[in-house]
Amino acid sequence: MAFMDKLGQVANKVGEVAGDTFDYGKAKGKIVLEKGKIKDIKEEIGEYVYEVVNGGGEIDMEKVKEFCAKIDDHKAIIEGLEADAKQSGEDISGAFGKDDK
């Protein structure tokens, strides 16, 4: 019975370690989504500026700053994912283009 207890402890330990491992594919997918969100926000900024200028209005810089803050939030998420990857021994920072960073 002691053998079975020891085997159970080893299995639990393996499960804990496996649960703590970094999922490279999942992180890459999340980064792709975050970069897509950044691209969408940049498009929203462009549409906003175009509509305001085309309509003869003045650009509300507070609104533009809100857009920029959202972009910064998504960039922070990307940086966090990259930091988690690096801490796990993976380097995914070069896996994507730097144009959206």
C-alpha atoms as a PDB file:
ATOM      1  CA  MET A   1       0.000   0.000   0.000  1.00  0.00           C
ATOM      2  CA  ALA A   2       2.920   2.357   0.669  1.00  0.00           C
ATOM      3  CA  PHE A   3       3.957   1.909  -2.964  1.00  0.00           C
ATOM      4  CA  MET A   4       0.505   3.027  -4.150  1.00  0.00           C
ATOM      5  CA  ASP A   5       0.612   6.054  -1.849  1.00  0.00           C
ATOM      6  CA  LYS A   6       4.045   6.994  -3.175  1.00  0.00           C
ATOM      7  CA  LEU A   7       2.847   6.508  -6.753  1.00  0.00           C
ATOM      8  CA  GLY A   8      -0.141   8.782  -6.024  1.00  0.00           C
ATOM      9  CA  GLN A   9       2.172  11.472  -4.623  1.00  0.00           C
ATOM     10  CA  VAL A  10       4.398  11.305  -7.693  1.00  0.00           C
ATOM     11  CA  ALA A  11       1.365  11.542  -9.987  1.00  0.00           C
ATOM     12  CA  ASN A  12       0.109  14.585  -8.079  1.00  0.00           C
ATOM     13  CA  LYS A  13       3.523  16.244  -8.321  1.00  0.00           C
ATOM     14  CA  VAL A  14       3.689  15.600 -12.077  1.00  0.00           C
ATOM     15  CA  GLY A  15       0.208  17.076 -12.432  1.00  0.00           C
ATOM     16  CA  GLU A  16       1.230  20.186 -10.509  1.00  0.00           C
ATOM     17  CA  VAL A  17       4.339  20.683 -12.619  1.00  0.00           C
ATOM     18  CA  ALA A  18       2.409  20.126 -15.850  1.00  0.00           C
ATOM     19  CA  GLY A  19      -0.177  22.683 -14.743  1.00  0.00           C
ATOM     20  CA  ASP A  20       2.566  25.244 -14.207  1.00  0.00           C
ATOM     21  CA  THR A  21       4.208  24.820 -17.585  1.00  0.00           C
ATOM     22  CA  PHE A  22       4.001  27.546 -20.166  1.00  0.00           C
ATOM     23  CA  ASP A  23       1.702  26.967 -23.130  1.00  0.00           C
ATOM     24  CA  TYR A  24       3.599  28.443 -26.074  1.00  0.00           C
ATOM     25  CA  GLY A  25       0.764  27.960 -28.565  1.00  0.00           C
ATOM     26  CA  LYS A  26      -1.827  29.545 -26.318  1.00  0.00           C
ATOM     27  CA  ALA A  27       0.407  32.552 -25.650  1.00  0.00           C
ATOM     28  CA  LYS A  28       1.064  33.033 -29.362  1.00  0.00           C
ATOM     29  CA  GLY A  29      -2.684  32.928 -29.997  1.00  0.00           C
ATOM     30  CA  LYS A  30      -3.350  35.508 -27.304  1.00  0.00           C
ATOM     31  CA  ILE A  31      -0.660  37.783 -28.713  1.00  0.00           C
ATOM     32  CA  VAL A  32      -2.192  37.532 -32.183  1.00  0.00           C
ATOM     33  CA  LEU A  33      -5.573  38.506 -30.721  1.00  0.00           C
ATOM     34  CA  GLU A  34      -4.101  41.435 -28.798  1.00  0.00           C
ATOM     35  CA  LYS A  35      -2.270  42.694 -31.895  1.00  0.00           C
ATOM     36  CA  GLY A  36      -5.539  42.429 -33.816  1.00  0.00           C
ATOM     37  CA  LYS A  37      -7.247  44.545 -31.172  1.00  0.00           C
ATOM     38  CA  ILE A  38      -4.470  47.143 -31.454  1.00  0.00           C
ATOM     39  CA  LYS A  39      -4.922  47.247 -35.220  1.00  0.00           C
ATOM     40  CA  ASP A  40      -8.692  47.693 -34.784  1.00  0.00           C
ATOM     41  CA  ILE A  41      -8.195  50.592 -32.384  1.00  0.00           C
ATOM     42  CA  LYS A  42      -5.764  52.266 -34.764  1.00  0.00           C
ATOM     43  CA  GLU A  43      -8.371  51.959 -37.495  1.00  0.00           C
ATOM     44  CA  GLU A  44     -10.957  53.502 -35.157  1.00  0.00           C
ATOM     45  CA  ILE A  45      -8.613  56.439 -34.547  1.00  0.00           C
ATOM     46  CA  GLY A  46      -8.211  56.949 -38.281  1.00  0.00           C
ATOM     47  CA  GLU A  47     -11.954  56.751 -38.898  1.00  0.00           C
ATOM     48  CA  TYR A  48     -12.623  59.166 -36.049  1.00  0.00           C
ATOM     49  CA  VAL A  49     -10.072  61.686 -37.303  1.00  0.00           C
ATOM     50  CA  TYR A  50     -11.317  61.400 -40.882  1.00  0.00           C
ATOM     51  CA  GLU A  51     -14.960  61.897 -39.894  1.00  0.00           C
ATOM     52  CA  VAL A  52     -14.197  64.891 -37.685  1.00  0.00           C
ATOM     53  CA  VAL A  53     -11.897  66.600 -40.183  1.00  0.00           C
ATOM     54  CA  ASN A  54     -14.176  65.822 -43.118  1.00  0.00           C
ATOM     55  CA  GLY A  55     -17.098  67.228 -41.157  1.00  0.00           C
ATOM     56  CA  GLY A  56     -15.242  70.441 -40.383  1.00  0.00           C
ATOM     57  CA  GLY A  57     -15.026  69.740 -36.658  1.00  0.00           C
ATOM     58  CA  GLU A  58     -12.189  69.763 -34.202  1.00  0.00           C
ATOM     59  CA  ILE A  59     -10.474  66.653 -32.948  1.00  0.00           C
ATOM     60  CA  ASP A  60     -11.184  65.872 -29.311  1.00  0.00           C
ATOM     61  CA  MET A  61      -7.730  65.047 -27.956  1.00  0.00           C
ATOM     62  CA  GLU A  62      -9.237  63.428 -24.864  1.00  0.00           C
ATOM     63  CA  LYS A  63     -10.949  60.927 -27.124  1.00  0.00           C
ATOM     64  CA  VAL A  64      -7.683  60.280 -28.964  1.00  0.00           C
ATOM     65  CA  LYS A  65      -5.925  59.800 -25.607  1.00  0.00           C
ATOM     66  CA  GLU A  66      -8.574  57.215 -24.657  1.00  0.00           C
ATOM     67  CA  PHE A  67      -7.818  55.312 -27.853  1.00  0.00           C
ATOM     68  CA  CYS A  68      -4.097  55.501 -27.053  1.00  0.00           C
ATOM     69  CA  ALA A  69      -4.673  54.241 -23.508  1.00  0.00           C
ATOM     70  CA  LYS A  70      -6.530  51.223 -24.886  1.00  0.00           C
ATOM     71  CA  ILE A  71      -3.610  50.480 -27.200  1.00  0.00           C
ATOM     72  CA  ASP A  72      -1.207  50.772 -24.259  1.00  0.00           C
ATOM     73  CA  ASP A  73      -3.355  48.299 -22.289  1.00  0.00           C
ATOM     74  CA  HIS A  74      -3.135  45.734 -25.090  1.00  0.00           C
ATOM     75  CA  LYS A  75       0.612  46.298 -25.444  1.00  0.00           C
ATOM     76  CA  ALA A  76       1.009  45.680 -21.710  1.00  0.00           C
ATOM     77  CA  ILE A  77      -0.838  42.378 -22.058  1.00  0.00           C
ATOM     78  CA  ILE A  78       1.509  41.384 -24.887  1.00  0.00           C
ATOM     79  CA  GLU A  79       4.544  42.339 -22.831  1.00  0.00           C
ATOM     80  CA  GLY A  80       3.206  40.283 -19.922  1.00  0.00           C
ATOM     81  CA  LEU A  81       2.736  37.247 -22.125  1.00  0.00           C
ATOM     82  CA  GLU A  82       6.237  37.649 -23.511  1.00  0.00           C
ATOM     83  CA  ALA A  83       7.657  38.017 -19.994  1.00  0.00           C
ATOM     84  CA  ASP A  84       5.824  34.870 -18.857  1.00  0.00           C
ATOM     85  CA  ALA A  85       7.239  33.024 -21.847  1.00  0.00           C
ATOM     86  CA  LYS A  86      10.759  34.222 -21.142  1.00  0.00           C
ATOM     87  CA  GLN A  87      10.445  33.201 -17.508  1.00  0.00           C
ATOM     88  CA  SER A  88       9.413  29.737 -18.680  1.00  0.00           C
ATOM     89  CA  GLY A  89      12.422  29.490 -20.952  1.00  0.00           C
ATOM     90  CA  GLU A  90      10.576  30.361 -24.165  1.00  0.00           C
ATOM     91  CA  ASP A  91      11.290  33.506 -26.143  1.00  0.00           C
ATOM     92  CA  ILE A  92       8.265  34.472 -28.203  1.00  0.00           C
ATOM     93  CA  SER A  93       9.127  38.144 -28.549  1.00  0.00           C
ATOM     94  CA  GLY A  94      10.687  37.529 -31.972  1.00  0.00           C
ATOM     95  CA  ALA A  95       7.863  35.283 -33.160  1.00  0.00           C
ATOM     96  CA  PHE A  96       5.874  38.247 -34.442  1.00  0.00           C
ATOM     97  CA  GLY A  97       6.670  41.427 -36.306  1.00  0.00           C
ATOM     98  CA  LYS A  98       7.525  44.466 -34.229  1.00  0.00           C
ATOM     99  CA  ASP A  99       5.330  46.816 -36.264  1.00  0.00           C
ATOM    100  CA  ASP A 100       2.448  46.788 -33.796  1.00  0.00           C
ATOM    101  CA  LYS A 101       4.545  47.067 -30.695  1.00  0.00           C
END
